[in-house]
């Protein structure tokens, strides 16, 4: 029943997304702007890591895409809550875990597709990375968006309006991006900022993807990145499922 309910809900939300091409492609606009107008400025600069500037910047843009896109996914739940959709689902026998999984799997598929578009544009700009590294990057994007979308839905169920949800997400997402070294490696930061960034889980993900983009797979950085990504996903699913049950969704 869980697999069936998840598949049904995934199909419902996927069809909604496919009916809105604007939603599919607009999400890549900001990373593409960084790629086209910020990326060339880094060419030839010492960035404190192995690999060229594209192998440093593109992994950060991939995770930036997942960070901001998935963090705002909760707007959809607020709309459904205001329209009474969640109340109607409350009287169905659908699994509460499936209500969460159907949504976040759609989100993960959407952002991985957008990540593919971003990488194709980066390849045209001069990115050179091993295929295995690129695929590993997509895997991290999927895990990041899965977990952040689930946590975004949790926050959306606890806040009554978009006017409160939007500023709350911005307050959390912007410092996360700056302290994780998504744009530039934290190796360039002063010591106190580098230490502070180690408390941000996204730093370990972007460092792992950067290792993958230069062909380093069996490294401690990769191990920590995978461990943090899986731990964040498990935490998000646990908290999300409990919140959906308590909300009676």
C-alpha atoms as a PDB file:
ATOM      1  CA  UNK A   1       0.000   0.000   0.000  1.00  0.00           C
ATOM      2  CA  UNK A   2       2.843   2.412   0.777  1.00  0.00           C
ATOM      3  CA  UNK A   3       4.411   1.923  -2.656  1.00  0.00           C
ATOM      4  CA  UNK A   4       1.029   2.194  -4.381  1.00  0.00           C
ATOM      5  CA  UNK A   5       0.020   5.337  -2.482  1.00  0.00           C
ATOM      6  CA  UNK A   6       3.428   6.924  -3.079  1.00  0.00           C
ATOM      7  CA  UNK A   7       3.268   6.171  -6.805  1.00  0.00           C
ATOM      8  CA  UNK A   8      -0.240   7.622  -7.095  1.00  0.00           C
ATOM      9  CA  UNK A   9       0.698  10.831  -5.292  1.00  0.00           C
ATOM     10  CA  UNK A  10       3.984  11.136  -7.169  1.00  0.00           C
ATOM     11  CA  UNK A  11       2.061  10.856 -10.440  1.00  0.00           C
ATOM     12  CA  UNK A  12      -0.413  13.515  -9.310  1.00  0.00           C
ATOM     13  CA  UNK A  13       2.275  16.038  -8.396  1.00  0.00           C
ATOM     14  CA  UNK A  14       4.412  15.162 -11.431  1.00  0.00           C
ATOM     15  CA  UNK A  15       1.475  15.883 -13.741  1.00  0.00           C
ATOM     16  CA  UNK A  16       0.976  19.232 -12.030  1.00  0.00           C
ATOM     17  CA  UNK A  17       4.620  20.071 -12.663  1.00  0.00           C
ATOM     18  CA  UNK A  18       4.543  18.972 -16.298  1.00  0.00           C
ATOM     19  CA  UNK A  19       1.584  21.278 -16.904  1.00  0.00           C
ATOM     20  CA  UNK A  20       3.789  24.211 -15.857  1.00  0.00           C
ATOM     21  CA  UNK A  21       6.916  24.407 -18.064  1.00  0.00           C
ATOM     22  CA  UNK A  22       7.643  27.797 -16.479  1.00  0.00           C
ATOM     23  CA  UNK A  23       8.171  26.082 -13.114  1.00  0.00           C
ATOM     24  CA  UNK A  24      10.458  23.482 -14.662  1.00  0.00           C
ATOM     25  CA  UNK A  25      12.835  25.901 -16.368  1.00  0.00           C
ATOM     26  CA  UNK A  26      12.592  29.051 -14.233  1.00  0.00           C
ATOM     27  CA  UNK A  27      14.292  27.328 -11.310  1.00  0.00           C
ATOM     28  CA  UNK A  28      17.540  27.129 -13.265  1.00  0.00           C
ATOM     29  CA  UNK A  29      17.639  30.865 -14.000  1.00  0.00           C
ATOM     30  CA  UNK A  30      19.633  32.015 -10.960  1.00  0.00           C
ATOM     31  CA  UNK A  31      22.318  29.266 -11.174  1.00  0.00           C
ATOM     32  CA  UNK A  32      22.635  29.920 -14.907  1.00  0.00           C
ATOM     33  CA  UNK A  33      23.190  33.623 -14.256  1.00  0.00           C
ATOM     34  CA  UNK A  34      25.954  32.751 -11.804  1.00  0.00           C
ATOM     35  CA  UNK A  35      27.401  30.341 -14.352  1.00  0.00           C
ATOM     36  CA  UNK A  36      27.435  32.807 -17.246  1.00  0.00           C
ATOM     37  CA  UNK A  37      28.361  36.034 -15.438  1.00  0.00           C
ATOM     38  CA  UNK A  38      30.260  34.918 -12.318  1.00  0.00           C
ATOM     39  CA  UNK A  39      32.022  31.798 -13.586  1.00  0.00           C
ATOM     40  CA  UNK A  40      34.284  33.538 -16.136  1.00  0.00           C
ATOM     41  CA  UNK A  41      35.579  35.863 -13.389  1.00  0.00           C
ATOM     42  CA  UNK A  42      37.140  32.882 -11.595  1.00  0.00           C
ATOM     43  CA  UNK A  43      39.083  31.569 -14.599  1.00  0.00           C
ATOM     44  CA  UNK A  44      42.757  31.208 -13.732  1.00  0.00           C
ATOM     45  CA  UNK A  45      42.384  32.310 -10.117  1.00  0.00           C
ATOM     46  CA  UNK A  46      43.880  30.187  -7.292  1.00  0.00           C
ATOM     47  CA  UNK A  47      40.844  28.803  -5.474  1.00  0.00           C
ATOM     48  CA  UNK A  48      42.556  26.659  -2.868  1.00  0.00           C
ATOM     49  CA  UNK A  49      41.423  23.332  -4.314  1.00  0.00           C
ATOM     50  CA  UNK A  50      42.492  20.859  -6.942  1.00  0.00           C
ATOM     51  CA  UNK A  51      40.775  21.355 -10.282  1.00  0.00           C
ATOM     52  CA  UNK A  52      39.949  24.353 -12.432  1.00  0.00           C
ATOM     53  CA  UNK A  53      37.419  27.068 -11.640  1.00  0.00           C
ATOM     54  CA  UNK A  54      34.523  25.241 -13.321  1.00  0.00           C
ATOM     55  CA  UNK A  55      35.167  22.102 -11.245  1.00  0.00           C
ATOM     56  CA  UNK A  56      34.930  24.281  -8.147  1.00  0.00           C
ATOM     57  CA  UNK A  57      31.988  26.497  -9.116  1.00  0.00           C
ATOM     58  CA  UNK A  58      29.593  24.035 -10.784  1.00  0.00           C
ATOM     59  CA  UNK A  59      29.267  21.681  -7.766  1.00  0.00           C
ATOM     60  CA  UNK A  60      28.401  24.710  -5.663  1.00  0.00           C
ATOM     61  CA  UNK A  61      25.788  25.852  -8.157  1.00  0.00           C
ATOM     62  CA  UNK A  62      24.231  22.390  -8.202  1.00  0.00           C
ATOM     63  CA  UNK A  63      23.771  22.423  -4.449  1.00  0.00           C
ATOM     64  CA  UNK A  64      22.637  26.050  -4.527  1.00  0.00           C
ATOM     65  CA  UNK A  65      19.925  24.938  -6.934  1.00  0.00           C
ATOM     66  CA  UNK A  66      18.818  22.235  -4.516  1.00  0.00           C
ATOM     67  CA  UNK A  67      19.153  24.433  -1.433  1.00  0.00           C
ATOM     68  CA  UNK A  68      16.976  27.315  -2.579  1.00  0.00           C
ATOM     69  CA  UNK A  69      14.593  25.341  -4.767  1.00  0.00           C
ATOM     70  CA  UNK A  70      13.744  22.679  -2.199  1.00  0.00           C
ATOM     71  CA  UNK A  71      13.657  25.103   0.715  1.00  0.00           C
ATOM     72  CA  UNK A  72      10.741  26.963  -0.849  1.00  0.00           C
ATOM     73  CA  UNK A  73       8.813  23.790  -1.767  1.00  0.00           C
ATOM     74  CA  UNK A  74       6.610  24.276   1.285  1.00  0.00           C
ATOM     75  CA  UNK A  75       4.680  27.051  -0.446  1.00  0.00           C
ATOM     76  CA  UNK A  76       2.719  24.296  -2.225  1.00  0.00           C
ATOM     77  CA  UNK A  77       1.594  22.800   1.093  1.00  0.00           C
ATOM     78  CA  UNK A  78       0.464  26.207   2.367  1.00  0.00           C
ATOM     79  CA  UNK A  79      -1.637  26.637  -0.773  1.00  0.00           C
ATOM     80  CA  UNK A  80      -3.147  23.153  -0.416  1.00  0.00           C
ATOM     81  CA  UNK A  81      -3.854  23.840   3.240  1.00  0.00           C
ATOM     82  CA  UNK A  82      -5.622  27.113   2.404  1.00  0.00           C
ATOM     83  CA  UNK A  83      -7.627  25.470  -0.393  1.00  0.00           C
ATOM     84  CA  UNK A  84      -8.758  22.586   1.829  1.00  0.00           C
ATOM     85  CA  UNK A  85      -6.893  19.902  -0.127  1.00  0.00           C
ATOM     86  CA  UNK A  86      -5.128  18.601   2.973  1.00  0.00           C
ATOM     87  CA  UNK A  87      -8.414  18.383   4.850  1.00  0.00           C
ATOM     88  CA  UNK A  88      -9.895  16.211   2.094  1.00  0.00           C
ATOM     89  CA  UNK A  89      -6.846  13.945   2.166  1.00  0.00           C
ATOM     90  CA  UNK A  90      -7.300  13.579   5.908  1.00  0.00           C
ATOM     91  CA  UNK A  91     -10.381  11.398   5.470  1.00  0.00           C
ATOM     92  CA  UNK A  92      -8.668   9.006   3.031  1.00  0.00           C
ATOM     93  CA  UNK A  93      -6.757   5.867   4.068  1.00  0.00           C
ATOM     94  CA  UNK A  94      -3.609   7.082   2.286  1.00  0.00           C
ATOM     95  CA  UNK A  95      -0.410   6.481   4.234  1.00  0.00           C
ATOM     96  CA  UNK A  96       0.959   9.641   5.871  1.00  0.00           C
ATOM     97  CA  UNK A  97       4.448   8.599   4.814  1.00  0.00           C
ATOM     98  CA  UNK A  98       3.208   8.328   1.220  1.00  0.00           C
ATOM     99  CA  UNK A  99       1.827  11.871   1.439  1.00  0.00           C
ATOM    100  CA  UNK A 100       5.351  13.024   2.199  1.00  0.00           C
ATOM    101  CA  UNK A 101       7.216  10.704  -0.179  1.00  0.00           C
ATOM    102  CA  UNK A 102       4.982  11.482  -3.159  1.00  0.00           C
ATOM    103  CA  UNK A 103       5.805  15.159  -2.810  1.00  0.00           C
ATOM    104  CA  UNK A 104       9.526  14.945  -2.119  1.00  0.00           C
ATOM    105  CA  UNK A 105      10.171  12.361  -4.847  1.00  0.00           C
ATOM    106  CA  UNK A 106       8.557  14.749  -7.345  1.00  0.00           C
ATOM    107  CA  UNK A 107      10.767  17.541  -6.006  1.00  0.00           C
ATOM    108  CA  UNK A 108      13.902  15.409  -6.264  1.00  0.00           C
ATOM    109  CA  UNK A 109      13.085  14.421  -9.855  1.00  0.00           C
ATOM    110  CA  UNK A 110      12.435  18.057 -10.802  1.00  0.00           C
ATOM    111  CA  UNK A 111      15.663  19.402  -9.360  1.00  0.00           C
ATOM    112  CA  UNK A 112      17.790  16.586 -10.758  1.00  0.00           C
ATOM    113  CA  UNK A 113      16.362  17.438 -14.187  1.00  0.00           C
ATOM    114  CA  UNK A 114      17.248  21.080 -13.628  1.00  0.00           C
ATOM    115  CA  UNK A 115      20.717  19.998 -12.490  1.00  0.00           C
ATOM    116  CA  UNK A 116      21.163  18.133 -15.784  1.00  0.00           C
ATOM    117  CA  UNK A 117      20.312  21.326 -17.691  1.00  0.00           C
ATOM    118  CA  UNK A 118      22.802  23.272 -15.575  1.00  0.00           C
ATOM    119  CA  UNK A 119      25.605  20.772 -16.177  1.00  0.00           C
ATOM    120  CA  UNK A 120      24.940  20.769 -19.927  1.00  0.00           C
ATOM    121  CA  UNK A 121      25.273  24.556 -19.934  1.00  0.00           C
ATOM    122  CA  UNK A 122      28.459  24.277 -17.857  1.00  0.00           C
ATOM    123  CA  UNK A 123      29.935  21.784 -20.316  1.00  0.00           C
ATOM    124  CA  UNK A 124      29.334  24.312 -23.077  1.00  0.00           C
ATOM    125  CA  UNK A 125      31.117  26.943 -20.961  1.00  0.00           C
ATOM    126  CA  UNK A 126      34.202  24.774 -20.486  1.00  0.00           C
ATOM    127  CA  UNK A 127      33.527  22.343 -17.635  1.00  0.00           C
ATOM    128  CA  UNK A 128      35.430  19.060 -17.896  1.00  0.00           C
ATOM    129  CA  UNK A 129      34.652  16.386 -15.332  1.00  0.00           C
ATOM    130  CA  UNK A 130      34.487  12.568 -15.301  1.00  0.00           C
ATOM    131  CA  UNK A 131      31.077  11.059 -16.001  1.00  0.00           C
ATOM    132  CA  UNK A 132      31.117   9.199 -12.675  1.00  0.00           C
ATOM    133  CA  UNK A 133      31.747  12.470 -10.852  1.00  0.00           C
ATOM    134  CA  UNK A 134      28.867  14.178 -12.641  1.00  0.00           C
ATOM    135  CA  UNK A 135      26.510  11.319 -11.768  1.00  0.00           C
ATOM    136  CA  UNK A 136      27.627  11.429  -8.139  1.00  0.00           C
ATOM    137  CA  UNK A 137      26.816  15.133  -8.159  1.00  0.00           C
ATOM    138  CA  UNK A 138      23.284  14.370  -9.339  1.00  0.00           C
ATOM    139  CA  UNK A 139      22.963  11.861  -6.508  1.00  0.00           C
ATOM    140  CA  UNK A 140      23.877  14.504  -3.947  1.00  0.00           C
ATOM    141  CA  UNK A 141      21.388  16.931  -5.502  1.00  0.00           C
ATOM    142  CA  UNK A 142      18.663  14.278  -5.195  1.00  0.00           C
ATOM    143  CA  UNK A 143      19.440  13.594  -1.524  1.00  0.00           C
ATOM    144  CA  UNK A 144      19.709  17.277  -0.667  1.00  0.00           C
ATOM    145  CA  UNK A 145      16.431  18.215  -2.336  1.00  0.00           C
ATOM    146  CA  UNK A 146      14.676  15.176  -0.858  1.00  0.00           C
ATOM    147  CA  UNK A 147      15.654  16.150   2.676  1.00  0.00           C
ATOM    148  CA  UNK A 148      15.219  19.921   2.372  1.00  0.00           C
ATOM    149  CA  UNK A 149      11.838  19.611   0.651  1.00  0.00           C
ATOM    150  CA  UNK A 150      10.625  17.372   3.488  1.00  0.00           C
ATOM    151  CA  UNK A 151      11.812  19.893   6.079  1.00  0.00           C
ATOM    152  CA  UNK A 152      10.246  22.709   4.061  1.00  0.00           C
ATOM    153  CA  UNK A 153       6.885  20.917   4.214  1.00  0.00           C
ATOM    154  CA  UNK A 154       7.305  20.540   7.961  1.00  0.00           C
ATOM    155  CA  UNK A 155       7.882  24.271   8.326  1.00  0.00           C
ATOM    156  CA  UNK A 156       4.949  25.049   6.034  1.00  0.00           C
ATOM    157  CA  UNK A 157       2.592  22.971   8.188  1.00  0.00           C
ATOM    158  CA  UNK A 158       3.669  24.902  11.271  1.00  0.00           C
ATOM    159  CA  UNK A 159       3.395  28.400   9.783  1.00  0.00           C
ATOM    160  CA  UNK A 160      -0.044  29.697   8.839  1.00  0.00           C
ATOM    161  CA  UNK A 161       0.735  31.970   5.887  1.00  0.00           C
ATOM    162  CA  UNK A 162       3.152  32.568   2.989  1.00  0.00           C
ATOM    163  CA  UNK A 163       4.011  35.954   4.532  1.00  0.00           C
ATOM    164  CA  UNK A 164       5.624  34.139   7.447  1.00  0.00           C
ATOM    165  CA  UNK A 165       7.013  31.173   5.514  1.00  0.00           C
ATOM    166  CA  UNK A 166       9.009  33.138   2.929  1.00  0.00           C
ATOM    167  CA  UNK A 167      11.052  35.288   5.341  1.00  0.00           C
ATOM    168  CA  UNK A 168      11.657  32.290   7.606  1.00  0.00           C
ATOM    169  CA  UNK A 169      13.120  30.267   4.728  1.00  0.00           C
ATOM    170  CA  UNK A 170      15.254  33.183   3.536  1.00  0.00           C
ATOM    171  CA  UNK A 171      16.607  33.653   7.044  1.00  0.00           C
ATOM    172  CA  UNK A 172      17.768  30.028   7.084  1.00  0.00           C
ATOM    173  CA  UNK A 173      18.821  29.527   3.456  1.00  0.00           C
ATOM    174  CA  UNK A 174      20.999  32.579   2.865  1.00  0.00           C
ATOM    175  CA  UNK A 175      23.408  32.034   5.793  1.00  0.00           C
ATOM    176  CA  UNK A 176      23.523  28.343   4.874  1.00  0.00           C
ATOM    177  CA  UNK A 177      24.705  29.211   1.366  1.00  0.00           C
ATOM    178  CA  UNK A 178      27.301  31.735   2.549  1.00  0.00           C
ATOM    179  CA  UNK A 179      28.730  29.527   5.297  1.00  0.00           C
ATOM    180  CA  UNK A 180      28.854  26.334   3.213  1.00  0.00           C
ATOM    181  CA  UNK A 181      31.292  27.611   0.612  1.00  0.00           C
ATOM    182  CA  UNK A 182      28.955  26.994  -2.301  1.00  0.00           C
ATOM    183  CA  UNK A 183      30.302  29.875  -4.375  1.00  0.00           C
ATOM    184  CA  UNK A 184      33.943  29.692  -3.288  1.00  0.00           C
ATOM    185  CA  UNK A 185      35.789  27.065  -1.208  1.00  0.00           C
ATOM    186  CA  UNK A 186      36.066  27.796   2.490  1.00  0.00           C
ATOM    187  CA  UNK A 187      39.804  27.172   2.140  1.00  0.00           C
ATOM    188  CA  UNK A 188      39.941  30.835   1.069  1.00  0.00           C
ATOM    189  CA  UNK A 189      38.203  31.992   4.259  1.00  0.00           C
ATOM    190  CA  UNK A 190      39.909  33.265   7.418  1.00  0.00           C
ATOM    191  CA  UNK A 191      40.353  30.723  10.164  1.00  0.00           C
ATOM    192  CA  UNK A 192      37.338  31.724  12.272  1.00  0.00           C
ATOM    193  CA  UNK A 193      35.009  31.566   9.279  1.00  0.00           C
ATOM    194  CA  UNK A 194      36.393  28.192   8.207  1.00  0.00           C
ATOM    195  CA  UNK A 195      35.764  26.807  11.697  1.00  0.00           C
ATOM    196  CA  UNK A 196      32.233  28.227  11.738  1.00  0.00           C
ATOM    197  CA  UNK A 197      31.462  26.682   8.354  1.00  0.00           C
ATOM    198  CA  UNK A 198      32.252  23.201   9.669  1.00  0.00           C
ATOM    199  CA  UNK A 199      28.987  23.310  11.605  1.00  0.00           C
ATOM    200  CA  UNK A 200      27.067  23.612   8.323  1.00  0.00           C
ATOM    201  CA  UNK A 201      26.133  20.194   6.881  1.00  0.00           C
ATOM    202  CA  UNK A 202      26.010  21.518   3.298  1.00  0.00           C
ATOM    203  CA  UNK A 203      29.747  22.197   3.365  1.00  0.00           C
ATOM    204  CA  UNK A 204      30.451  18.468   3.520  1.00  0.00           C
ATOM    205  CA  UNK A 205      28.162  17.827   0.565  1.00  0.00           C
ATOM    206  CA  UNK A 206      29.724  20.446  -1.707  1.00  0.00           C
ATOM    207  CA  UNK A 207      33.252  19.360  -0.773  1.00  0.00           C
ATOM    208  CA  UNK A 208      32.346  15.765  -1.668  1.00  0.00           C
ATOM    209  CA  UNK A 209      30.919  16.790  -5.050  1.00  0.00           C
ATOM    210  CA  UNK A 210      34.036  18.860  -5.787  1.00  0.00           C
ATOM    211  CA  UNK A 211      36.158  15.808  -5.041  1.00  0.00           C
ATOM    212  CA  UNK A 212      34.009  13.761  -7.425  1.00  0.00           C
ATOM    213  CA  UNK A 213      34.384  16.368 -10.187  1.00  0.00           C
ATOM    214  CA  UNK A 214      38.176  15.900 -10.124  1.00  0.00           C
ATOM    215  CA  UNK A 215      37.924  12.106 -10.051  1.00  0.00           C
ATOM    216  CA  UNK A 216      38.512  11.491  -6.329  1.00  0.00           C
ATOM    217  CA  UNK A 217      35.899   9.061  -5.033  1.00  0.00           C
ATOM    218  CA  UNK A 218      37.391   7.039  -2.161  1.00  0.00           C
ATOM    219  CA  UNK A 219      38.356   9.943   0.091  1.00  0.00           C
ATOM    220  CA  UNK A 220      37.458  10.943   3.653  1.00  0.00           C
ATOM    221  CA  UNK A 221      35.728  14.012   2.206  1.00  0.00           C
ATOM    222  CA  UNK A 222      33.478  11.776   0.101  1.00  0.00           C
ATOM    223  CA  UNK A 223      32.754   9.547   3.096  1.00  0.00           C
ATOM    224  CA  UNK A 224      31.731  12.488   5.273  1.00  0.00           C
ATOM    225  CA  UNK A 225      29.626  13.938   2.470  1.00  0.00           C
ATOM    226  CA  UNK A 226      27.710  10.691   1.953  1.00  0.00           C
ATOM    227  CA  UNK A 227      27.272  10.221   5.696  1.00  0.00           C
ATOM    228  CA  UNK A 228      25.906  13.737   6.195  1.00  0.00           C
ATOM    229  CA  UNK A 229      23.588  13.465   3.167  1.00  0.00           C
ATOM    230  CA  UNK A 230      22.119  10.149   4.317  1.00  0.00           C
ATOM    231  CA  UNK A 231      21.785  11.351   7.904  1.00  0.00           C
ATOM    232  CA  UNK A 232      20.018  14.532   6.819  1.00  0.00           C
ATOM    233  CA  UNK A 233      17.658  12.505   4.624  1.00  0.00           C
ATOM    234  CA  UNK A 234      16.798  10.079   7.433  1.00  0.00           C
ATOM    235  CA  UNK A 235      16.188  12.962   9.847  1.00  0.00           C
ATOM    236  CA  UNK A 236      13.968  14.794   7.351  1.00  0.00           C
ATOM    237  CA  UNK A 237      11.830  11.736   6.591  1.00  0.00           C
ATOM    238  CA  UNK A 238      11.387  10.975  10.294  1.00  0.00           C
ATOM    239  CA  UNK A 239      10.428  14.532  11.235  1.00  0.00           C
ATOM    240  CA  UNK A 240       8.289  14.954   8.131  1.00  0.00           C
ATOM    241  CA  UNK A 241       6.299  11.770   8.700  1.00  0.00           C
ATOM    242  CA  UNK A 242       5.595  12.642  12.335  1.00  0.00           C
ATOM    243  CA  UNK A 243       4.520  16.155  11.396  1.00  0.00           C
ATOM    244  CA  UNK A 244       2.145  14.945   8.678  1.00  0.00           C
ATOM    245  CA  UNK A 245       0.591  12.473  11.123  1.00  0.00           C
ATOM    246  CA  UNK A 246       0.118  15.123  13.798  1.00  0.00           C
ATOM    247  CA  UNK A 247      -1.321  17.564  11.279  1.00  0.00           C
ATOM    248  CA  UNK A 248      -3.877  14.965  10.238  1.00  0.00           C
ATOM    249  CA  UNK A 249      -2.888  15.372   6.591  1.00  0.00           C
END
